[in-house]
Amino acid sequence: MTEIELKNGYYIEIKKLSYTLRQRYTGKSKTGEPKESIRTHGHYNKIGQAIMRYIELCQMDVLDGERVALEEYVKTIEQVNKIAVQGLENVLGRFEVK
């Protein structure tokens, strides 16, 4: 199994012919103590599908609970997408053949 670390606790777990998007986060135990947990966001046949879902989740994380005008929403989404794509390009750029 291989893991591709993304940002904000997200990662893609790669197994033979499957890609699982997961997120590490700190939740609470039944007693109220902090507890490390993993949330699964989906299983995909292609890595591109997992990456698209990751970008959607990043958008939702940034705008969670916000009330914004349409123009501000579009600008924020564009900025989030740009940051996500740059991060992926940085990771993928490490694997370029030179």
Protein backbone atom coordinates (compact mmCIF):
# COMPACT_ATOMS: atom_id res chain seq x y z
CA MET A 1 0.00 0.00 0.00
CA THR A 2 1.17 3.53 -0.80
CA GLU A 3 0.00 6.82 0.69
CA ILE A 4 0.13 10.22 -1.00
CA GLU A 5 0.08 12.96 1.64
CA LEU A 6 -1.98 16.02 0.72
CA LYS A 7 -2.79 19.06 2.89
CA ASN A 8 -5.02 19.47 5.96
CA GLY A 9 -4.73 15.83 6.97
CA TYR A 10 -5.97 14.50 3.63
CA TYR A 11 -4.19 11.64 1.91
CA ILE A 12 -4.81 9.13 -0.85
CA GLU A 13 -4.28 5.49 -0.01
CA ILE A 14 -3.30 3.47 -3.07
CA LYS A 15 -3.89 -0.24 -3.25
CA LYS A 16 -3.97 -2.47 -6.27
CA LEU A 17 -6.43 -0.80 -8.70
CA SER A 18 -8.07 1.41 -6.06
CA TYR A 19 -7.58 4.89 -4.61
CA THR A 20 -9.12 5.82 -1.27
CA LEU A 21 -9.33 9.44 -0.15
CA ARG A 22 -8.99 9.71 3.63
CA GLN A 23 -8.46 12.42 6.21
CA ARG A 24 -6.73 12.30 9.57
CA TYR A 25 -8.38 14.53 12.16
CA THR A 26 -8.63 15.00 15.90
CA GLY A 27 -12.02 14.10 17.29
CA LYS A 28 -13.20 13.25 20.77
CA SER A 29 -13.56 9.94 22.57
CA LYS A 30 -16.68 8.97 24.49
CA THR A 31 -15.09 10.51 27.57
CA GLY A 32 -14.44 13.80 25.75
CA GLU A 33 -10.69 13.29 25.41
CA PRO A 34 -8.97 14.23 22.12
CA LYS A 35 -8.67 11.22 19.84
CA GLU A 36 -6.91 10.82 16.48
CA SER A 37 -9.30 9.44 13.88
CA ILE A 38 -9.49 8.75 10.16
CA ARG A 39 -12.43 9.69 7.95
CA THR A 40 -12.91 7.98 4.58
CA HIS A 41 -14.22 10.30 1.86
CA GLY A 42 -14.54 7.73 -0.92
CA HIS A 43 -13.11 4.90 -2.96
CA TYR A 44 -12.18 5.56 -6.59
CA ASN A 45 -11.02 3.65 -9.66
CA LYS A 46 -8.77 6.49 -10.87
CA ILE A 47 -6.47 8.83 -8.98
CA GLY A 48 -7.96 11.81 -10.86
CA GLN A 49 -11.35 11.10 -9.30
CA ALA A 50 -9.83 11.10 -5.80
CA ILE A 51 -7.99 14.36 -6.53
CA MET A 52 -11.16 16.05 -7.82
CA ARG A 53 -13.00 15.05 -4.63
CA TYR A 54 -10.07 16.36 -2.55
CA ILE A 55 -10.32 19.74 -4.29
CA GLU A 56 -14.10 19.85 -3.67
CA LEU A 57 -13.54 19.08 0.02
CA CYS A 58 -10.88 21.81 0.28
CA GLN A 59 -13.38 24.27 -1.16
CA MET A 60 -15.98 23.26 1.41
CA ASP A 61 -13.45 23.42 4.26
CA VAL A 62 -12.48 26.99 3.40
CA LEU A 63 -16.06 28.24 3.02
CA ASP A 64 -17.64 26.24 5.87
CA GLY A 65 -20.02 28.46 7.81
CA GLU A 66 -19.28 31.54 5.70
CA ARG A 67 -21.80 33.88 4.16
CA VAL A 68 -20.30 35.53 1.07
CA ALA A 69 -21.35 37.39 -2.04
CA LEU A 70 -21.20 35.48 -5.32
CA GLU A 71 -18.13 37.37 -6.56
CA GLU A 72 -16.25 36.66 -3.32
CA TYR A 73 -17.31 33.00 -3.49
CA VAL A 74 -15.94 32.64 -7.03
CA LYS A 75 -12.66 34.37 -6.10
CA THR A 76 -12.24 32.15 -3.04
CA ILE A 77 -12.94 28.96 -5.03
CA GLU A 78 -10.46 30.03 -7.71
CA GLN A 79 -7.82 30.69 -5.05
CA VAL A 80 -8.44 27.37 -3.28
CA ASN A 81 -8.25 25.50 -6.60
CA LYS A 82 -5.02 27.27 -7.53
CA ILE A 83 -3.41 26.36 -4.20
CA ALA A 84 -4.58 22.74 -4.47
CA VAL A 85 -3.31 22.38 -8.04
CA GLN A 86 0.04 24.00 -7.14
CA GLY A 87 0.44 21.56 -4.27
CA LEU A 88 -0.29 18.62 -6.53
CA GLU A 89 2.06 19.94 -9.20
CA ASN A 90 4.82 20.23 -6.59
CA VAL A 91 4.32 16.63 -5.55
CA LEU A 92 4.02 15.34 -9.11
CA GLY A 93 6.97 17.46 -10.23
CA ARG A 94 9.22 15.44 -7.96
CA PHE A 95 8.54 12.43 -10.18
CA GLU A 96 9.35 14.06 -13.52
CA VAL A 97 11.93 12.32 -15.62
CA LYS A 98 14.83 14.64 -16.32
